[in-house]
């Protein structure tokens, strides 16, 4: 039944339904808002990636110490 997957005419039908539902006036505004959101997301992800190496290099590694029986009892 779904052996062919998504064909181009399926995408055409989806595009027509979206245009009918939302109207041609709102689509450019929606696309503009989506593009702006994607740019913000990309810049924030890049900022987090740039900050991450500085944070990991500042962390200190604590070595576990061996506990003897005499020290554990006191």
N, C-alpha and C. Protein backbone atom coordinates (compact mmCIF):
# COMPACT_ATOMS: atom_id res chain seq x y z
N UNK A 1 0.83 -1.19 0.00
CA UNK A 1 0.00 0.00 0.00
C UNK A 1 0.88 1.26 0.00
N UNK A 2 1.89 1.32 0.85
CA UNK A 2 2.77 2.49 0.92
C UNK A 2 4.13 2.18 0.31
N UNK A 3 4.16 1.29 -0.64
CA UNK A 3 5.45 0.88 -1.20
C UNK A 3 6.12 1.99 -2.00
N UNK A 4 5.35 2.90 -2.59
CA UNK A 4 5.93 3.98 -3.38
C UNK A 4 6.30 5.19 -2.54
N UNK A 5 5.79 5.24 -1.35
CA UNK A 5 6.12 6.36 -0.47
C UNK A 5 5.47 7.66 -0.90
N UNK A 6 6.17 8.72 -0.74
CA UNK A 6 5.66 10.05 -1.03
C UNK A 6 6.06 10.46 -2.44
N UNK A 7 5.09 10.60 -3.30
CA UNK A 7 5.35 10.98 -4.69
C UNK A 7 5.12 12.47 -4.87
N UNK A 8 5.62 13.05 -5.96
CA UNK A 8 5.46 14.50 -6.17
C UNK A 8 4.02 14.98 -6.18
N UNK A 9 3.11 14.18 -6.70
CA UNK A 9 1.73 14.65 -6.73
C UNK A 9 1.13 14.68 -5.34
N UNK A 10 1.65 13.89 -4.40
CA UNK A 10 1.21 13.98 -3.00
C UNK A 10 1.58 15.35 -2.43
N UNK A 11 2.80 15.78 -2.72
CA UNK A 11 3.24 17.09 -2.23
C UNK A 11 2.42 18.22 -2.84
N UNK A 12 2.04 18.07 -4.10
CA UNK A 12 1.20 19.07 -4.76
C UNK A 12 -0.16 19.17 -4.08
N UNK A 13 -0.74 18.05 -3.74
CA UNK A 13 -2.04 18.06 -3.05
C UNK A 13 -1.91 18.71 -1.68
N UNK A 14 -0.85 18.40 -0.96
CA UNK A 14 -0.63 19.00 0.36
C UNK A 14 -0.46 20.52 0.23
N UNK A 15 0.29 20.97 -0.78
CA UNK A 15 0.48 22.41 -0.99
C UNK A 15 -0.85 23.10 -1.30
N UNK A 16 -1.68 22.48 -2.12
CA UNK A 16 -2.98 23.07 -2.45
C UNK A 16 -3.86 23.16 -1.21
N UNK A 17 -3.86 22.12 -0.39
CA UNK A 17 -4.66 22.14 0.84
C UNK A 17 -4.18 23.23 1.78
N UNK A 18 -2.87 23.40 1.91
CA UNK A 18 -2.32 24.45 2.79
C UNK A 18 -2.72 25.82 2.28
N UNK A 19 -2.66 26.04 0.98
CA UNK A 19 -3.04 27.34 0.42
C UNK A 19 -4.52 27.61 0.64
N UNK A 20 -5.35 26.60 0.47
CA UNK A 20 -6.78 26.78 0.67
C UNK A 20 -7.09 27.06 2.14
N UNK A 21 -6.44 26.34 3.05
CA UNK A 21 -6.72 26.51 4.47
C UNK A 21 -6.24 27.85 5.02
N UNK A 22 -5.02 28.23 4.69
CA UNK A 22 -4.43 29.42 5.28
C UNK A 22 -4.56 30.67 4.41
N UNK A 23 -4.83 30.50 3.15
CA UNK A 23 -4.95 31.66 2.27
C UNK A 23 -3.60 32.14 1.80
N UNK A 24 -3.60 32.77 0.65
CA UNK A 24 -2.33 33.21 0.06
C UNK A 24 -1.77 34.46 0.74
N UNK A 25 -2.56 35.16 1.54
CA UNK A 25 -2.06 36.35 2.22
C UNK A 25 -1.21 36.00 3.44
N UNK A 26 -1.57 34.95 4.15
CA UNK A 26 -0.85 34.61 5.37
C UNK A 26 0.41 33.79 5.11
N UNK A 27 0.50 33.13 3.97
CA UNK A 27 1.65 32.26 3.71
C UNK A 27 2.98 33.01 3.68
N UNK A 28 3.10 34.17 3.02
CA UNK A 28 4.40 34.88 3.07
C UNK A 28 4.79 35.31 4.48
N UNK A 29 3.82 35.75 5.27
CA UNK A 29 4.12 36.14 6.65
C UNK A 29 4.56 34.94 7.47
N UNK A 30 3.91 33.82 7.25
CA UNK A 30 4.27 32.60 7.98
C UNK A 30 5.66 32.14 7.59
N UNK A 31 5.96 32.17 6.30
CA UNK A 31 7.30 31.77 5.83
C UNK A 31 8.37 32.70 6.37
N UNK A 32 8.09 33.99 6.43
CA UNK A 32 9.04 34.96 6.96
C UNK A 32 9.30 34.71 8.45
N UNK A 33 8.23 34.45 9.20
CA UNK A 33 8.37 34.17 10.63
C UNK A 33 9.14 32.87 10.86
N UNK A 34 8.88 31.87 10.03
CA UNK A 34 9.60 30.61 10.15
C UNK A 34 11.09 30.79 9.86
N UNK A 35 11.41 31.58 8.84
CA UNK A 35 12.81 31.85 8.51
C UNK A 35 13.51 32.60 9.63
N UNK A 36 12.83 33.56 10.21
CA UNK A 36 13.41 34.31 11.32
C UNK A 36 13.66 33.41 12.52
N UNK A 37 12.72 32.52 12.80
CA UNK A 37 12.88 31.59 13.91
C UNK A 37 14.05 30.64 13.66
N UNK A 38 14.21 30.20 12.43
CA UNK A 38 15.31 29.30 12.10
C UNK A 38 16.66 30.01 12.27
N UNK A 39 16.73 31.29 11.87
CA UNK A 39 17.98 32.04 12.05
C UNK A 39 18.31 32.22 13.52
N UNK A 40 17.30 32.50 14.35
CA UNK A 40 17.52 32.65 15.79
C UNK A 40 17.99 31.34 16.39
N UNK A 41 17.34 30.24 16.01
CA UNK A 41 17.73 28.94 16.52
C UNK A 41 19.16 28.60 16.14
N UNK A 42 19.53 28.89 14.91
CA UNK A 42 20.88 28.60 14.43
C UNK A 42 21.91 29.43 15.19
N UNK A 43 21.63 30.71 15.40
CA UNK A 43 22.59 31.56 16.11
C UNK A 43 22.72 31.14 17.58
N UNK A 44 21.62 30.75 18.21
CA UNK A 44 21.69 30.30 19.60
C UNK A 44 22.44 28.98 19.72
N UNK A 45 22.22 28.08 18.78
CA UNK A 45 22.94 26.81 18.81
C UNK A 45 24.44 27.04 18.62
N UNK A 46 24.80 27.97 17.74
CA UNK A 46 26.21 28.28 17.51
C UNK A 46 26.82 28.91 18.77
N UNK A 47 26.06 29.78 19.43
CA UNK A 47 26.56 30.41 20.66
C UNK A 47 26.77 29.37 21.75
N UNK A 48 25.86 28.42 21.87
CA UNK A 48 26.01 27.37 22.87
C UNK A 48 27.21 26.49 22.54
N UNK A 49 27.42 26.22 21.27
CA UNK A 49 28.56 25.39 20.86
C UNK A 49 29.87 26.11 21.14
N UNK A 50 29.90 27.42 20.93
CA UNK A 50 31.11 28.20 21.18
C UNK A 50 31.41 28.30 22.67
N UNK A 51 30.38 28.35 23.52
CA UNK A 51 30.57 28.45 24.96
C UNK A 51 30.95 27.11 25.57
N UNK A 52 30.53 26.02 25.00
CA UNK A 52 30.71 24.70 25.59
C UNK A 52 32.18 24.31 25.77
N UNK A 53 33.08 24.49 24.80
CA UNK A 53 34.48 24.10 25.04
C UNK A 53 35.14 24.88 26.18
N UNK A 54 34.78 26.13 26.35
CA UNK A 54 35.35 26.92 27.45
C UNK A 54 34.88 26.38 28.79
N UNK A 55 33.63 25.94 28.85
CA UNK A 55 33.09 25.42 30.10
C UNK A 55 33.70 24.07 30.45
N UNK A 56 33.93 23.21 29.46
CA UNK A 56 34.48 21.89 29.76
C UNK A 56 35.96 21.97 30.13
N UNK A 57 36.70 22.93 29.59
CA UNK A 57 38.11 23.04 29.94
C UNK A 57 38.29 23.62 31.34
N UNK A 58 37.30 24.34 31.84
CA UNK A 58 37.39 24.94 33.17
C UNK A 58 37.05 23.93 34.26
N UNK A 59 36.43 22.82 33.91
CA UNK A 59 36.07 21.83 34.91
C UNK A 59 37.31 21.11 35.41
N UNK A 60 37.30 20.78 36.69
CA UNK A 60 38.43 20.06 37.26
C UNK A 60 38.04 18.61 37.47
N UNK A 61 38.99 17.72 37.32
CA UNK A 61 38.75 16.30 37.52
C UNK A 61 39.17 15.95 38.93
N UNK A 62 38.26 15.33 39.67
CA UNK A 62 38.54 14.92 41.05
C UNK A 62 38.80 13.43 41.05
N UNK A 63 39.99 13.06 41.51
CA UNK A 63 40.36 11.65 41.58
C UNK A 63 39.77 11.04 42.84
N UNK A 64 39.24 9.83 42.75
CA UNK A 64 38.74 9.18 43.98
C UNK A 64 39.90 8.77 44.88
N UNK A 65 39.70 8.85 46.17
CA UNK A 65 40.74 8.49 47.11
C UNK A 65 40.41 7.14 47.73
N UNK A 66 41.43 6.43 48.16
CA UNK A 66 41.23 5.11 48.76
C UNK A 66 40.92 5.29 50.23
N UNK A 67 39.89 4.59 50.67
CA UNK A 67 39.49 4.66 52.07
C UNK A 67 39.95 3.39 52.77
N UNK A 68 40.67 3.59 53.89
CA UNK A 68 41.13 2.43 54.68
C UNK A 68 40.14 2.13 55.77
N UNK A 69 40.25 0.96 56.39
CA UNK A 69 39.30 0.56 57.42
C UNK A 69 39.37 1.47 58.65
N UNK A 70 40.52 1.88 59.01
CA UNK A 70 40.68 2.75 60.19
C UNK A 70 40.05 4.11 59.97
N UNK A 71 40.15 4.65 58.76
CA UNK A 71 39.59 5.97 58.46
C UNK A 71 38.09 5.90 58.32
N UNK A 72 37.55 4.77 57.87
CA UNK A 72 36.12 4.63 57.69
C UNK A 72 35.40 4.52 59.03
N UNK A 73 36.04 3.95 60.04
CA UNK A 73 35.40 3.77 61.33
C UNK A 73 35.31 5.07 62.11
N UNK A 74 36.20 6.01 61.87
CA UNK A 74 36.21 7.22 62.67
C UNK A 74 35.34 8.30 62.15
